[in-house]
C-alpha atoms as a PDB file:
ATOM      1  CA  MET A   1      63.768 228.623  39.813  1.00  0.00           C
ATOM      2  CA  PRO A   2      64.093 231.413  37.238  1.00  0.00           C
ATOM      3  CA  PRO A   3      62.332 231.002  33.891  1.00  0.00           C
ATOM      4  CA  ARG A   4      64.375 229.700  30.978  1.00  0.00           C
ATOM      5  CA  SER A   5      65.103 232.096  28.165  1.00  0.00           C
ATOM      6  CA  ARG A   6      66.335 231.535  24.667  1.00  0.00           C
ATOM      7  CA  SER A   7      69.852 232.692  25.511  1.00  0.00           C
ATOM      8  CA  THR A   8      72.900 230.581  24.830  1.00  0.00           C
ATOM      9  CA  VAL A   9      73.563 227.536  26.948  1.00  0.00           C
ATOM     10  CA  ASN A  10      77.217 227.622  27.982  1.00  0.00           C
ATOM     11  CA  SER A  11      79.500 224.784  28.949  1.00  0.00           C
ATOM     12  CA  LEU A  12      82.876 224.293  30.559  1.00  0.00           C
ATOM     13  CA  ILE A  13      84.700 220.997  31.009  1.00  0.00           C
ATOM     14  CA  VAL A  14      86.841 220.803  34.131  1.00  0.00           C
ATOM     15  CA  ASP A  15      89.356 218.117  35.027  1.00  0.00           C
ATOM     16  CA  THR A  16      88.842 216.589  38.465  1.00  0.00           C
ATOM     17  CA  PRO A  17      90.214 213.611  40.387  1.00  0.00           C
ATOM     18  CA  ILE A  18      87.116 211.627  39.306  1.00  0.00           C
ATOM     19  CA  GLY A  19      87.487 212.541  35.640  1.00  0.00           C
ATOM     20  CA  PRO A  20      86.304 215.408  33.451  1.00  0.00           C
ATOM     21  CA  LEU A  21      83.056 217.062  34.482  1.00  0.00           C
ATOM     22  CA  GLN A  22      80.939 219.211  32.192  1.00  0.00           C
ATOM     23  CA  LEU A  23      79.320 222.249  33.802  1.00  0.00           C
ATOM     24  CA  ILE A  24      76.345 223.778  31.985  1.00  0.00           C
ATOM     25  CA  SER A  25      74.903 227.240  32.609  1.00  0.00           C
ATOM     26  CA  GLN A  26      72.409 229.657  31.167  1.00  0.00           C
ATOM     27  CA  ASP A  27      71.627 233.246  32.112  1.00  0.00           C
ATOM     28  CA  GLY A  28      74.053 233.166  35.051  1.00  0.00           C
ATOM     29  CA  PHE A  29      72.606 229.998  36.626  1.00  0.00           C
ATOM     30  CA  LEU A  30      74.164 226.557  36.827  1.00  0.00           C
ATOM     31  CA  LEU A  31      71.821 224.021  35.211  1.00  0.00           C
ATOM     32  CA  GLU A  32      73.722 220.746  35.124  1.00  0.00           C
ATOM     33  CA  LEU A  33      76.868 218.872  36.019  1.00  0.00           C
ATOM     34  CA  ARG A  34      77.605 215.874  33.836  1.00  0.00           C
ATOM     35  CA  PHE A  35      80.137 213.086  34.236  1.00  0.00           C
ATOM     36  CA  GLN A  36      82.488 211.784  31.559  1.00  0.00           C
ATOM     37  CA  GLY A  37      80.538 209.978  28.871  1.00  0.00           C
ATOM     38  CA  GLN A  38      77.394 212.022  29.574  1.00  0.00           C
ATOM     39  CA  HIS A  39      78.516 215.325  28.079  1.00  0.00           C
ATOM     40  CA  ARG A  40      76.080 217.486  26.099  1.00  0.00           C
ATOM     41  CA  GLU A  41      77.201 218.661  22.684  1.00  0.00           C
ATOM     42  CA  ASP A  42      74.574 221.389  22.170  1.00  0.00           C
ATOM     43  CA  CYS A  43      76.337 223.946  24.369  1.00  0.00           C
ATOM     44  CA  LYS A  44      78.736 226.741  23.586  1.00  0.00           C
ATOM     45  CA  GLN A  45      82.113 225.865  25.116  1.00  0.00           C
ATOM     46  CA  THR A  46      83.396 228.925  26.909  1.00  0.00           C
ATOM     47  CA  ALA A  47      85.703 229.977  29.709  1.00  0.00           C
ATOM     48  CA  ASP A  48      84.136 233.470  29.834  1.00  0.00           C
ATOM     49  CA  ASP A  49      81.073 232.592  31.907  1.00  0.00           C
ATOM     50  CA  THR A  50      81.220 233.882  35.488  1.00  0.00           C
ATOM     51  CA  CYS A  51      78.881 231.177  36.795  1.00  0.00           C
ATOM     52  CA  LEU A  52      80.926 228.404  35.182  1.00  0.00           C
ATOM     53  CA  LYS A  53      84.201 229.882  36.447  1.00  0.00           C
ATOM     54  CA  SER A  54      82.820 230.063  39.971  1.00  0.00           C
ATOM     55  CA  ALA A  55      81.507 226.501  39.796  1.00  0.00           C
ATOM     56  CA  ALA A  56      84.860 225.235  38.504  1.00  0.00           C
ATOM     57  CA  GLN A  57      86.699 227.061  41.304  1.00  0.00           C
ATOM     58  CA  GLN A  58      84.365 225.712  43.974  1.00  0.00           C
ATOM     59  CA  LEU A  59      84.687 222.154  42.623  1.00  0.00           C
ATOM     60  CA  GLU A  60      88.472 222.506  42.709  1.00  0.00           C
ATOM     61  CA  GLU A  61      88.224 223.621  46.342  1.00  0.00           C
ATOM     62  CA  TYR A  62      85.869 220.724  47.140  1.00  0.00           C
ATOM     63  CA  PHE A  63      88.266 218.139  45.702  1.00  0.00           C
ATOM     64  CA  ALA A  64      91.177 219.791  47.543  1.00  0.00           C
ATOM     65  CA  GLY A  65      89.263 219.433  50.820  1.00  0.00           C
ATOM     66  CA  LYS A  66      88.879 223.187  51.235  1.00  0.00           C
ATOM     67  CA  ARG A  67      85.119 223.458  50.607  1.00  0.00           C
ATOM     68  CA  GLN A  68      82.239 221.613  52.225  1.00  0.00           C
ATOM     69  CA  TYR A  69      79.302 223.566  50.782  1.00  0.00           C
ATOM     70  CA  PHE A  70      78.681 225.118  47.383  1.00  0.00           C
ATOM     71  CA  ASP A  71      77.480 228.682  47.012  1.00  0.00           C
ATOM     72  CA  LEU A  72      76.306 228.966  43.421  1.00  0.00           C
ATOM     73  CA  PRO A  73      73.203 230.265  41.622  1.00  0.00           C
ATOM     74  CA  LEU A  74      71.396 227.047  40.702  1.00  0.00           C
ATOM     75  CA  ALA A  75      68.494 226.467  38.323  1.00  0.00           C
ATOM     76  CA  PRO A  76      68.051 222.709  37.874  1.00  0.00           C
ATOM     77  CA  ALA A  77      65.045 221.756  35.760  1.00  0.00           C
ATOM     78  CA  GLY A  78      62.599 219.497  37.578  1.00  0.00           C
ATOM     79  CA  SER A  79      59.133 219.052  38.983  1.00  0.00           C
ATOM     80  CA  VAL A  80      58.003 220.708  42.205  1.00  0.00           C
ATOM     81  CA  PHE A  81      58.537 217.396  44.027  1.00  0.00           C
ATOM     82  CA  GLN A  82      62.026 216.942  42.563  1.00  0.00           C
ATOM     83  CA  GLN A  83      62.945 220.497  43.574  1.00  0.00           C
ATOM     84  CA  GLN A  84      61.746 219.743  47.104  1.00  0.00           C
ATOM     85  CA  VAL A  85      63.906 216.606  47.274  1.00  0.00           C
ATOM     86  CA  TRP A  86      66.934 218.421  45.855  1.00  0.00           C
ATOM     87  CA  ARG A  87      66.583 221.166  48.487  1.00  0.00           C
ATOM     88  CA  ALA A  88      66.501 218.446  51.150  1.00  0.00           C
ATOM     89  CA  LEU A  89      69.680 216.910  49.698  1.00  0.00           C
ATOM     90  CA  GLN A  90      71.433 220.251  50.093  1.00  0.00           C
ATOM     91  CA  GLN A  91      70.725 220.072  53.825  1.00  0.00           C
ATOM     92  CA  ILE A  92      72.749 216.861  54.284  1.00  0.00           C
ATOM     93  CA  PRO A  93      75.932 217.915  56.095  1.00  0.00           C
ATOM     94  CA  TYR A  94      79.288 217.282  54.457  1.00  0.00           C
ATOM     95  CA  GLY A  95      80.542 213.774  55.172  1.00  0.00           C
ATOM     96  CA  GLU A  96      77.214 212.520  56.529  1.00  0.00           C
ATOM     97  CA  LEU A  97      74.856 209.966  55.028  1.00  0.00           C
ATOM     98  CA  ARG A  98      71.084 209.790  54.818  1.00  0.00           C
ATOM     99  CA  SER A  99      68.747 207.085  53.562  1.00  0.00           C
ATOM    100  CA  TYR A 100      65.994 207.619  51.026  1.00  0.00           C
ATOM    101  CA  ARG A 101      63.571 207.153  53.937  1.00  0.00           C
ATOM    102  CA  ASP A 102      65.371 209.911  55.883  1.00  0.00           C
ATOM    103  CA  ILE A 103      64.900 212.275  52.943  1.00  0.00           C
ATOM    104  CA  ALA A 104      61.235 211.289  52.545  1.00  0.00           C
ATOM    105  CA  CYS A 105      60.655 212.012  56.226  1.00  0.00           C
ATOM    106  CA  SER A 106      62.529 215.321  56.020  1.00  0.00           C
ATOM    107  CA  ILE A 107      60.127 216.539  53.327  1.00  0.00           C
ATOM    108  CA  GLY A 108      57.132 215.385  55.353  1.00  0.00           C
ATOM    109  CA  ASN A 109      56.197 212.445  53.138  1.00  0.00           C
ATOM    110  CA  GLU A 110      57.538 209.280  54.772  1.00  0.00           C
ATOM    111  CA  LYS A 111      55.747 207.031  52.254  1.00  0.00           C
ATOM    112  CA  ALA A 112      57.477 208.627  49.259  1.00  0.00           C
ATOM    113  CA  VAL A 113      60.687 206.610  49.578  1.00  0.00           C
ATOM    114  CA  ARG A 114      60.623 205.320  45.988  1.00  0.00           C
ATOM    115  CA  ALA A 115      59.668 208.723  44.605  1.00  0.00           C
ATOM    116  CA  VAL A 116      62.551 210.240  46.561  1.00  0.00           C
ATOM    117  CA  GLY A 117      64.839 207.634  44.996  1.00  0.00           C
ATOM    118  CA  ARG A 118      63.647 208.577  41.511  1.00  0.00           C
ATOM    119  CA  ALA A 119      64.063 212.305  42.221  1.00  0.00           C
ATOM    120  CA  ASN A 120      67.519 211.636  43.649  1.00  0.00           C
ATOM    121  CA  GLY A 121      68.430 209.756  40.470  1.00  0.00           C
ATOM    122  CA  CYS A 122      67.223 212.656  38.304  1.00  0.00           C
ATOM    123  CA  ASN A 123      69.371 215.227  40.112  1.00  0.00           C
ATOM    124  CA  PRO A 124      71.040 217.250  37.321  1.00  0.00           C
ATOM    125  CA  LEU A 125      73.654 218.705  39.697  1.00  0.00           C
ATOM    126  CA  PRO A 126      75.348 215.748  41.416  1.00  0.00           C
ATOM    127  CA  ILE A 127      78.119 216.642  43.869  1.00  0.00           C
ATOM    128  CA  ILE A 128      76.867 220.241  44.102  1.00  0.00           C
ATOM    129  CA  VAL A 129      73.451 218.959  45.201  1.00  0.00           C
ATOM    130  CA  PRO A 130      74.956 216.045  47.152  1.00  0.00           C
ATOM    131  CA  CYS A 131      72.879 213.047  46.097  1.00  0.00           C
ATOM    132  CA  HIS A 132      75.995 210.899  46.623  1.00  0.00           C
ATOM    133  CA  ARG A 133      75.318 211.183  50.382  1.00  0.00           C
ATOM    134  CA  VAL A 134      72.113 209.147  50.063  1.00  0.00           C
ATOM    135  CA  ILE A 135      72.319 205.405  50.654  1.00  0.00           C
ATOM    136  CA  GLY A 136      69.898 202.526  51.009  1.00  0.00           C
ATOM    137  CA  SER A 137      68.190 201.847  54.349  1.00  0.00           C
ATOM    138  CA  ASP A 138      70.417 198.789  54.678  1.00  0.00           C
ATOM    139  CA  GLY A 139      73.517 201.017  54.583  1.00  0.00           C
ATOM    140  CA  LYS A 140      74.556 199.906  51.099  1.00  0.00           C
ATOM    141  CA  LEU A 141      75.546 202.236  48.298  1.00  0.00           C
ATOM    142  CA  THR A 142      72.827 202.506  45.691  1.00  0.00           C
ATOM    143  CA  GLY A 143      72.634 204.074  42.229  1.00  0.00           C
ATOM    144  CA  PHE A 144      74.518 207.199  41.268  1.00  0.00           C
ATOM    145  CA  SER A 145      74.706 208.871  37.851  1.00  0.00           C
ATOM    146  CA  GLY A 146      78.503 208.869  38.004  1.00  0.00           C
ATOM    147  CA  GLY A 147      78.627 205.184  38.991  1.00  0.00           C
ATOM    148  CA  LEU A 148      79.018 203.512  42.367  1.00  0.00           C
ATOM    149  CA  GLU A 149      82.820 203.684  42.236  1.00  0.00           C
ATOM    150  CA  THR A 150      82.627 207.476  41.872  1.00  0.00           C
ATOM    151  CA  LYS A 151      80.046 207.665  44.667  1.00  0.00           C
ATOM    152  CA  SER A 152      82.357 205.650  46.899  1.00  0.00           C
ATOM    153  CA  ARG A 153      85.302 207.920  46.060  1.00  0.00           C
ATOM    154  CA  LEU A 154      83.295 211.069  46.880  1.00  0.00           C
ATOM    155  CA  LEU A 155      82.202 209.643  50.227  1.00  0.00           C
ATOM    156  CA  ALA A 156      85.782 208.557  50.999  1.00  0.00           C
ATOM    157  CA  LEU A 157      87.071 212.048  50.116  1.00  0.00           C
ATOM    158  CA  GLU A 158      84.608 213.654  52.517  1.00  0.00           C
ATOM    159  CA  ALA A 159      85.297 211.120  55.286  1.00  0.00           C
ATOM    160  CA  ALA A 160      89.054 211.649  54.938  1.00  0.00           C
ATOM    161  CA  GLN A 161      88.682 215.429  55.141  1.00  0.00           C
ATOM    162  CA  LEU A 162      86.547 215.164  58.269  1.00  0.00           C
ATOM    163  CA  THR A 163      89.131 212.867  59.863  1.00  0.00           C
ATOM    164  CA  ALA A 164      91.963 215.253  58.924  1.00  0.00           C
ATOM    165  CA  THR A 165      90.326 218.287  60.557  1.00  0.00           C
END
């Protein structure tokens, strides 16, 4: 993760099928994606940020069923452990599900299930770092920063695209 500078934090709000999303960048790196009702006000609203434009385009492609993976410069703020969990989340294939235990095992720490859950919940880049693909060991949907209805809609979108191809 690149060091943070004192440069301007930029923001772009994009309309999506799950509501408006706020994208936040700094120094050419995407920092956060926020759902409606969670928007930050301390950012400069701009459409002239290459990183934000690319993120908006890739989200549009994702919701249209034309993109399964995101290719963006990311710089989410988090601890070393959180970063490790978020990298593991990015390895979950489109349309597939993993449990918190699966993620804990994938990072070589099978006893860290609760810590993985906390790191998953702190993910500042939901959808792009696909924490919505993580479910409870019992197969039930569990917490998601955008709400369980949004999580369900994202999983249904991915399942429908896989069925259509």
